[in-house]
Amino acid sequence: MYCVRKIVETILNSRLTHWIEKRSTLPHNMFGFRQNTGAIDCVETLVTDIYLAFIREEYIHRHKIRIS
Protein backbone atom coordinates (compact mmCIF):
# COMPACT_ATOMS: atom_id res chain seq x y z
CA MET A 1 0.00 0.00 0.00
CA TYR A 2 2.90 2.35 0.73
CA CYS A 3 4.17 2.06 -2.85
CA VAL A 4 0.80 3.01 -4.30
CA ARG A 5 0.57 6.09 -2.08
CA LYS A 6 4.11 7.14 -3.00
CA ILE A 7 3.38 6.78 -6.72
CA VAL A 8 0.16 8.81 -6.44
CA GLU A 9 1.99 11.46 -4.40
CA THR A 10 4.70 11.73 -7.05
CA ILE A 11 2.15 12.02 -9.88
CA LEU A 12 0.12 14.68 -8.05
CA ASN A 13 3.25 16.63 -7.14
CA SER A 14 4.42 16.60 -10.74
CA ARG A 15 1.06 17.69 -12.12
CA LEU A 16 0.50 20.41 -9.53
CA THR A 17 4.00 21.80 -9.98
CA HIS A 18 3.57 21.91 -13.75
CA TRP A 19 0.14 23.57 -13.42
CA ILE A 20 1.42 26.21 -10.96
CA GLU A 21 4.51 27.05 -13.04
CA LYS A 22 2.55 27.18 -16.31
CA ARG A 23 -0.05 29.60 -14.95
CA SER A 24 2.39 31.71 -12.88
CA THR A 25 0.16 31.21 -9.86
CA LEU A 26 2.91 31.88 -7.32
CA PRO A 27 4.91 35.11 -7.08
CA HIS A 28 8.33 35.00 -8.73
CA ASN A 29 10.04 35.58 -5.38
CA MET A 30 8.93 32.30 -3.76
CA PHE A 31 12.07 30.21 -3.94
CA GLY A 32 12.37 27.43 -1.38
CA PHE A 33 10.43 24.52 -2.82
CA ARG A 34 10.49 25.33 -6.52
CA GLN A 35 12.61 23.51 -9.07
CA ASN A 36 16.01 25.12 -9.77
CA THR A 37 15.62 27.78 -7.08
CA GLY A 38 16.98 28.04 -3.58
CA ALA A 39 18.56 30.20 -0.94
CA ILE A 40 21.15 31.65 -3.33
CA ASP A 41 18.37 33.00 -5.57
CA CYS A 42 16.72 34.61 -2.57
CA VAL A 43 19.96 36.28 -1.45
CA GLU A 44 20.69 37.41 -5.00
CA THR A 45 17.28 39.08 -5.26
CA LEU A 46 17.78 40.81 -1.91
CA VAL A 47 21.25 42.08 -2.83
CA THR A 48 20.01 43.29 -6.22
CA ASP A 49 17.12 45.18 -4.62
CA ILE A 50 19.46 46.82 -2.11
CA TYR A 51 21.94 47.76 -4.84
CA LEU A 52 19.24 49.25 -7.09
CA ALA A 53 17.79 51.23 -4.17
CA PHE A 54 21.25 52.57 -3.38
CA ILE A 55 21.81 53.62 -7.01
CA ARG A 56 18.40 55.31 -7.16
CA GLU A 57 18.96 56.89 -3.75
CA GLU A 58 15.85 55.22 -2.37
CA TYR A 59 15.31 54.04 1.17
CA ILE A 60 14.84 50.48 2.24
CA HIS A 61 12.72 50.15 5.32
CA ARG A 62 13.86 47.86 8.06
CA HIS A 63 11.24 45.42 9.27
CA LYS A 64 11.22 43.58 12.54
CA ILE A 65 10.91 39.85 12.12
CA ARG A 66 9.94 37.77 15.10
CA ILE A 67 11.14 34.22 15.09
CA SER A 68 9.85 31.98 17.83
PDB file of N, CA and C in Angstrom:
ATOM      1  N   MET A   1       0.820  -1.196   0.000  1.00  0.00           N
ATOM      2  CA  MET A   1       0.000   0.000   0.000  1.00  0.00           C
ATOM      3  C   MET A   1       0.867   1.264   0.000  1.00  0.00           C
ATOM      4  N   TYR A   2       2.021   1.187   0.675  1.00  0.00           N
ATOM      5  CA  TYR A   2       2.903   2.347   0.734  1.00  0.00           C
ATOM      6  C   TYR A   2       3.368   2.750  -0.659  1.00  0.00           C
ATOM      7  N   CYS A   3       3.692   1.764  -1.491  1.00  0.00           N
ATOM      8  CA  CYS A   3       4.174   2.057  -2.850  1.00  0.00           C
ATOM      9  C   CYS A   3       3.126   2.791  -3.673  1.00  0.00           C
ATOM     10  N   VAL A   4       1.880   2.373  -3.546  1.00  0.00           N
ATOM     11  CA  VAL A   4       0.798   3.009  -4.305  1.00  0.00           C
ATOM     12  C   VAL A   4       0.653   4.462  -3.867  1.00  0.00           C
ATOM     13  N   ARG A   5       0.682   4.714  -2.570  1.00  0.00           N
ATOM     14  CA  ARG A   5       0.570   6.091  -2.081  1.00  0.00           C
ATOM     15  C   ARG A   5       1.734   6.949  -2.563  1.00  0.00           C
ATOM     16  N   LYS A   6       2.928   6.386  -2.559  1.00  0.00           N
ATOM     17  CA  LYS A   6       4.110   7.140  -2.995  1.00  0.00           C
ATOM     18  C   LYS A   6       4.017   7.465  -4.487  1.00  0.00           C
ATOM     19  N   ILE A   7       3.539   6.540  -5.285  1.00  0.00           N
ATOM     20  CA  ILE A   7       3.380   6.784  -6.721  1.00  0.00           C
ATOM     21  C   ILE A   7       2.343   7.869  -6.970  1.00  0.00           C
ATOM     22  N   VAL A   8       1.205   7.786  -6.279  1.00  0.00           N
ATOM     23  CA  VAL A   8       0.156   8.808  -6.435  1.00  0.00           C
ATOM     24  C   VAL A   8       0.669  10.167  -5.981  1.00  0.00           C
ATOM     25  N   GLU A   9       1.406  10.203  -4.885  1.00  0.00           N
ATOM     26  CA  GLU A   9       1.993  11.457  -4.398  1.00  0.00           C
ATOM     27  C   GLU A   9       2.924  12.062  -5.440  1.00  0.00           C
ATOM     28  N   THR A  10       3.764  11.241  -6.039  1.00  0.00           N
ATOM     29  CA  THR A  10       4.704  11.729  -7.050  1.00  0.00           C
ATOM     30  C   THR A  10       3.976  12.268  -8.272  1.00  0.00           C
ATOM     31  N   ILE A  11       2.937  11.574  -8.709  1.00  0.00           N
ATOM     32  CA  ILE A  11       2.154  12.022  -9.876  1.00  0.00           C
ATOM     33  C   ILE A  11       1.460  13.345  -9.570  1.00  0.00           C
ATOM     34  N   LEU A  12       0.805  13.431  -8.410  1.00  0.00           N
ATOM     35  CA  LEU A  12       0.120  14.677  -8.046  1.00  0.00           C
ATOM     36  C   LEU A  12       1.095  15.841  -7.909  1.00  0.00           C
ATOM     37  N   ASN A  13       2.239  15.587  -7.294  1.00  0.00           N
ATOM     38  CA  ASN A  13       3.245  16.633  -7.139  1.00  0.00           C
ATOM     39  C   ASN A  13       3.715  17.137  -8.500  1.00  0.00           C
ATOM     40  N   SER A  14       3.968  16.227  -9.401  1.00  0.00           N
ATOM     41  CA  SER A  14       4.422  16.603 -10.738  1.00  0.00           C
ATOM     42  C   SER A  14       3.371  17.427 -11.468  1.00  0.00           C
ATOM     43  N   ARG A  15       2.141  16.971 -11.420  1.00  0.00           N
ATOM     44  CA  ARG A  15       1.062  17.687 -12.116  1.00  0.00           C
ATOM     45  C   ARG A  15       0.781  19.053 -11.507  1.00  0.00           C
ATOM     46  N   LEU A  16       0.739  19.126 -10.173  1.00  0.00           N
ATOM     47  CA  LEU A  16       0.502  20.414  -9.529  1.00  0.00           C
ATOM     48  C   LEU A  16       1.632  21.400  -9.789  1.00  0.00           C
ATOM     49  N   THR A  17       2.856  20.932  -9.713  1.00  0.00           N
ATOM     50  CA  THR A  17       4.003  21.802  -9.978  1.00  0.00           C
ATOM     51  C   THR A  17       3.955  22.343 -11.399  1.00  0.00           C
ATOM     52  N   HIS A  18       3.669  21.482 -12.345  1.00  0.00           N
ATOM     53  CA  HIS A  18       3.574  21.911 -13.746  1.00  0.00           C
ATOM     54  C   HIS A  18       2.455  22.937 -13.909  1.00  0.00           C
ATOM     55  N   TRP A  19       1.292  22.681 -13.307  1.00  0.00           N
ATOM     56  CA  TRP A  19       0.143  23.574 -13.423  1.00  0.00           C
ATOM     57  C   TRP A  19       0.459  24.943 -12.819  1.00  0.00           C
ATOM     58  N   ILE A  20       1.088  24.943 -11.634  1.00  0.00           N
ATOM     59  CA  ILE A  20       1.418  26.205 -10.957  1.00  0.00           C
ATOM     60  C   ILE A  20       2.439  27.002 -11.763  1.00  0.00           C
ATOM     61  N   GLU A  21       3.476  26.345 -12.261  1.00  0.00           N
ATOM     62  CA  GLU A  21       4.511  27.045 -13.037  1.00  0.00           C
ATOM     63  C   GLU A  21       3.960  27.562 -14.360  1.00  0.00           C
ATOM     64  N   LYS A  22       3.104  26.784 -15.005  1.00  0.00           N
ATOM     65  CA  LYS A  22       2.551  27.182 -16.311  1.00  0.00           C
ATOM     66  C   LYS A  22       1.662  28.413 -16.194  1.00  0.00           C
ATOM     67  N   ARG A  23       0.906  28.501 -15.117  1.00  0.00           N
ATOM     68  CA  ARG A  23      -0.047  29.602 -14.951  1.00  0.00           C
ATOM     69  C   ARG A  23       0.515  30.763 -14.131  1.00  0.00           C
ATOM     70  N   SER A  24       1.752  30.666 -13.707  1.00  0.00           N
ATOM     71  CA  SER A  24       2.390  31.708 -12.882  1.00  0.00           C
ATOM     72  C   SER A  24       1.519  32.051 -11.679  1.00  0.00           C
ATOM     73  N   THR A  25       1.045  31.033 -11.002  1.00  0.00           N
ATOM     74  CA  THR A  25       0.164  31.207  -9.858  1.00  0.00           C
ATOM     75  C   THR A  25       0.899  31.801  -8.662  1.00  0.00           C
ATOM     76  N   LEU A  26       2.127  31.393  -8.452  1.00  0.00           N
ATOM     77  CA  LEU A  26       2.909  31.883  -7.316  1.00  0.00           C
ATOM     78  C   LEU A  26       3.763  33.082  -7.719  1.00  0.00           C
ATOM     79  N   PRO A  27       4.020  33.981  -6.779  1.00  0.00           N
ATOM     80  CA  PRO A  27       4.909  35.106  -7.084  1.00  0.00           C
ATOM     81  C   PRO A  27       6.311  34.617  -7.459  1.00  0.00           C
ATOM     82  N   HIS A  28       6.998  35.387  -8.258  1.00  0.00           N
ATOM     83  CA  HIS A  28       8.328  35.000  -8.731  1.00  0.00           C
ATOM     84  C   HIS A  28       9.359  34.932  -7.598  1.00  0.00           C
ATOM     85  N   ASN A  29       9.058  35.557  -6.467  1.00  0.00           N
ATOM     86  CA  ASN A  29      10.035  35.581  -5.382  1.00  0.00           C
ATOM     87  C   ASN A  29       9.807  34.494  -4.328  1.00  0.00           C
ATOM     88  N   MET A  30       9.052  33.465  -4.644  1.00  0.00           N
ATOM     89  CA  MET A  30       8.927  32.302  -3.761  1.00  0.00           C
ATOM     90  C   MET A  30       9.920  31.260  -4.246  1.00  0.00           C
ATOM     91  N   PHE A  31      10.947  31.002  -3.447  1.00  0.00           N
ATOM     92  CA  PHE A  31      12.072  30.210  -3.936  1.00  0.00           C
ATOM     93  C   PHE A  31      12.160  28.800  -3.380  1.00  0.00           C
ATOM     94  N   GLY A  32      11.958  28.629  -2.096  1.00  0.00           N
ATOM     95  CA  GLY A  32      12.366  27.431  -1.380  1.00  0.00           C
ATOM     96  C   GLY A  32      12.044  26.089  -1.975  1.00  0.00           C
ATOM     97  N   PHE A  33      10.827  25.852  -2.397  1.00  0.00           N
ATOM     98  CA  PHE A  33      10.431  24.520  -2.818  1.00  0.00           C
ATOM     99  C   PHE A  33      10.398  24.345  -4.326  1.00  0.00           C
ATOM    100  N   ARG A  34      10.629  25.403  -5.069  1.00  0.00           N
ATOM    101  CA  ARG A  34      10.494  25.335  -6.524  1.00  0.00           C
ATOM    102  C   ARG A  34      11.733  24.756  -7.173  1.00  0.00           C
ATOM    103  N   GLN A  35      11.530  24.132  -8.309  1.00  0.00           N
ATOM    104  CA  GLN A  35      12.607  23.506  -9.066  1.00  0.00           C
ATOM    105  C   GLN A  35      13.625  24.562  -9.492  1.00  0.00           C
ATOM    106  N   ASN A  36      14.895  24.267  -9.340  1.00  0.00           N
ATOM    107  CA  ASN A  36      16.007  25.123  -9.771  1.00  0.00           C
ATOM    108  C   ASN A  36      16.051  26.482  -9.071  1.00  0.00           C
ATOM    109  N   THR A  37      15.505  26.564  -7.879  1.00  0.00           N
ATOM    110  CA  THR A  37      15.618  27.784  -7.081  1.00  0.00           C
ATOM    111  C   THR A  37      15.984  27.399  -5.659  1.00  0.00           C
ATOM    112  N   GLY A  38      16.592  28.334  -4.958  1.00  0.00           N
ATOM    113  CA  GLY A  38      16.983  28.040  -3.583  1.00  0.00           C
ATOM    114  C   GLY A  38      17.392  29.291  -2.846  1.00  0.00           C
ATOM    115  N   ALA A  39      18.152  29.098  -1.800  1.00  0.00           N
ATOM    116  CA  ALA A  39      18.561  30.203  -0.935  1.00  0.00           C
ATOM    117  C   ALA A  39      19.429  31.217  -1.676  1.00  0.00           C
ATOM    118  N   ILE A  40      20.277  30.737  -2.578  1.00  0.00           N
ATOM    119  CA  ILE A  40      21.148  31.649  -3.328  1.00  0.00           C
ATOM    120  C   ILE A  40      20.317  32.611  -4.176  1.00  0.00           C
ATOM    121  N   ASP A  41      19.246  32.134  -4.781  1.00  0.00           N
ATOM    122  CA  ASP A  41      18.373  33.003  -5.573  1.00  0.00           C
ATOM    123  C   ASP A  41      17.718  34.066  -4.698  1.00  0.00           C
ATOM    124  N   CYS A  42      17.332  33.669  -3.503  1.00  0.00           N
ATOM    125  CA  CYS A  42      16.719  34.607  -2.565  1.00  0.00           C
ATOM    126  C   CYS A  42      17.707  35.701  -2.167  1.00  0.00           C
ATOM    127  N   VAL A  43      18.923  35.311  -1.828  1.00  0.00           N
ATOM    128  CA  VAL A  43      19.957  36.280  -1.447  1.00  0.00           C
ATOM    129  C   VAL A  43      20.306  37.183  -2.620  1.00  0.00           C
ATOM    130  N   GLU A  44      20.384  36.618  -3.812  1.00  0.00           N
ATOM    131  CA  GLU A  44      20.694  37.412  -5.003  1.00  0.00           C
ATOM    132  C   GLU A  44      19.628  38.472  -5.247  1.00  0.00           C
ATOM    133  N   THR A  45      18.365  38.113  -5.089  1.00  0.00           N
ATOM    134  CA  THR A  45      17.278  39.076  -5.260  1.00  0.00           C
ATOM    135  C   THR A  45      17.370  40.185  -4.218  1.00  0.00           C
ATOM    136  N   LEU A  46      17.643  39.821  -2.977  1.00  0.00           N
ATOM    137  CA  LEU A  46      17.780  40.814  -1.913  1.00  0.00           C
ATOM    138  C   LEU A  46      18.932  41.775  -2.190  1.00  0.00           C
ATOM    139  N   VAL A  47      20.084  41.240  -2.562  1.00  0.00           N
ATOM    140  CA  VAL A  47      21.253  42.077  -2.835  1.00  0.00           C
ATOM    141  C   VAL A  47      20.987  42.995  -4.027  1.00  0.00           C
ATOM    142  N   THR A  48      20.341  42.477  -5.049  1.00  0.00           N
ATOM    143  CA  THR A  48      20.015  43.290  -6.225  1.00  0.00           C
ATOM    144  C   THR A  48      19.073  44.422  -5.853  1.00  0.00           C
ATOM    145  N   ASP A  49      18.052  44.133  -5.044  1.00  0.00           N
ATOM    146  CA  ASP A  49      17.121  45.181  -4.617  1.00  0.00           C
ATOM    147  C   ASP A  49      17.826  46.260  -3.803  1.00  0.00           C
ATOM    148  N   ILE A  50      18.711  45.848  -2.913  1.00  0.00           N
ATOM    149  CA  ILE A  50      19.461  46.820  -2.113  1.00  0.00           C
ATOM    150  C   ILE A  50      20.354  47.670  -3.003  1.00  0.00           C
ATOM    151  N   TYR A  51      21.043  47.037  -3.931  1.00  0.00           N
ATOM    152  CA  TYR A  51      21.937  47.764  -4.839  1.00  0.00           C
ATOM    153  C   TYR A  51      21.154  48.770  -5.690  1.00  0.00           C
ATOM    154  N   LEU A  52      20.032  48.345  -6.255  1.00  0.00           N
ATOM    155  CA  LEU A  52      19.238  49.252  -7.089  1.00  0.00           C
ATOM    156  C   LEU A  52      18.688  50.417  -6.270  1.00  0.00           C
ATOM    157  N   ALA A  53      18.267  50.156  -5.032  1.00  0.00           N
ATOM    158  CA  ALA A  53      17.787  51.232  -4.168  1.00  0.00           C
ATOM    159  C   ALA A  53      18.909  52.216  -3.854  1.00  0.00           C
ATOM    160  N   PHE A  54      20.110  51.708  -3.650  1.00  0.00           N
ATOM    161  CA  PHE A  54      21.253  52.571  -3.384  1.00  0.00           C
ATOM    162  C   PHE A  54      21.557  53.456  -4.595  1.00  0.00           C
ATOM    163  N   ILE A  55      21.541  52.870  -5.782  1.00  0.00           N
ATOM    164  CA  ILE A  55      21.811  53.621  -7.010  1.00  0.00           C
ATOM    165  C   ILE A  55      20.751  54.703  -7.229  1.00  0.00           C
ATOM    166  N   ARG A  56      19.503  54.368  -6.962  1.00  0.00           N
ATOM    167  CA  ARG A  56      18.396  55.314  -7.161  1.00  0.00           C
ATOM    168  C   ARG A  56      18.205  56.251  -5.977  1.00  0.00           C
ATOM    169  N   GLU A  57      19.041  56.106  -4.968  1.00  0.00           N
ATOM    170  CA  GLU A  57      18.965  56.889  -3.745  1.00  0.00           C
ATOM    171  C   GLU A  57      17.596  56.752  -3.078  1.00  0.00           C
ATOM    172  N   GLU A  58      17.109  55.523  -3.039  1.00  0.00           N
ATOM    173  CA  GLU A  58      15.850  55.223  -2.370  1.00  0.00           C
ATOM    174  C   GLU A  58      16.160  54.653  -0.989  1.00  0.00           C
ATOM    175  N   TYR A  59      15.142  54.600  -0.157  1.00  0.00           N
ATOM    176  CA  TYR A  59      15.306  54.040   1.173  1.00  0.00           C
ATOM    177  C   TYR A  59      14.721  52.634   1.217  1.00  0.00           C
ATOM    178  N   ILE A  60      15.379  51.807   1.966  1.00  0.00           N
ATOM    179  CA  ILE A  60      14.842  50.480   2.236  1.00  0.00           C
ATOM    180  C   ILE A  60      14.459  50.459   3.701  1.00  0.00           C
ATOM    181  N   HIS A  61      13.212  50.137   3.948  1.00  0.00           N
ATOM    182  CA  HIS A  61      12.717  50.145   5.317  1.00  0.00           C
ATOM    183  C   HIS A  61      13.106  48.855   6.021  1.00  0.00           C
ATOM    184  N   ARG A  62      13.504  49.009   7.253  1.00  0.00           N
ATOM    185  CA  ARG A  62      13.862  47.856   8.057  1.00  0.00           C
ATOM    186  C   ARG A  62      12.604  47.330   8.733  1.00  0.00           C
ATOM    187  N   HIS A  63      12.401  46.033   8.653  1.00  0.00           N
ATOM    188  CA  HIS A  63      11.243  45.421   9.274  1.00  0.00           C
ATOM    189  C   HIS A  63      11.698  44.493  10.389  1.00  0.00           C
ATOM    190  N   LYS A  64      10.939  44.498  11.453  1.00  0.00           N
ATOM    191  CA  LYS A  64      11.219  43.576  12.537  1.00  0.00           C
ATOM    192  C   LYS A  64      10.614  42.233  12.205  1.00  0.00           C
ATOM    193  N   ILE A  65      11.409  41.196  12.354  1.00  0.00           N
ATOM    194  CA  ILE A  65      10.911  39.851  12.125  1.00  0.00           C
ATOM    195  C   ILE A  65      11.046  39.090  13.434  1.00  0.00           C
ATOM    196  N   ARG A  66       9.941  38.538  13.864  1.00  0.00           N
ATOM    197  CA  ARG A  66       9.940  37.773  15.100  1.00  0.00           C
ATOM    198  C   ARG A  66      10.012  36.296  14.781  1.00  0.00           C
ATOM    199  N   ILE A  67      10.999  35.643  15.295  1.00  0.00           N
ATOM    200  CA  ILE A  67      11.140  34.216  15.092  1.00  0.00           C
ATOM    201  C   ILE A  67      11.003  33.550  16.450  1.00  0.00           C
ATOM    202  N   SER A  68      10.026  32.653  16.539  1.00  0.00           N
ATOM    203  CA  SER A  68       9.852  31.982  17.826  1.00  0.00           C
ATOM    204  C   SER A  68       9.951  30.489  17.686  1.00  0.00           C
TER     205      SER A  68
END
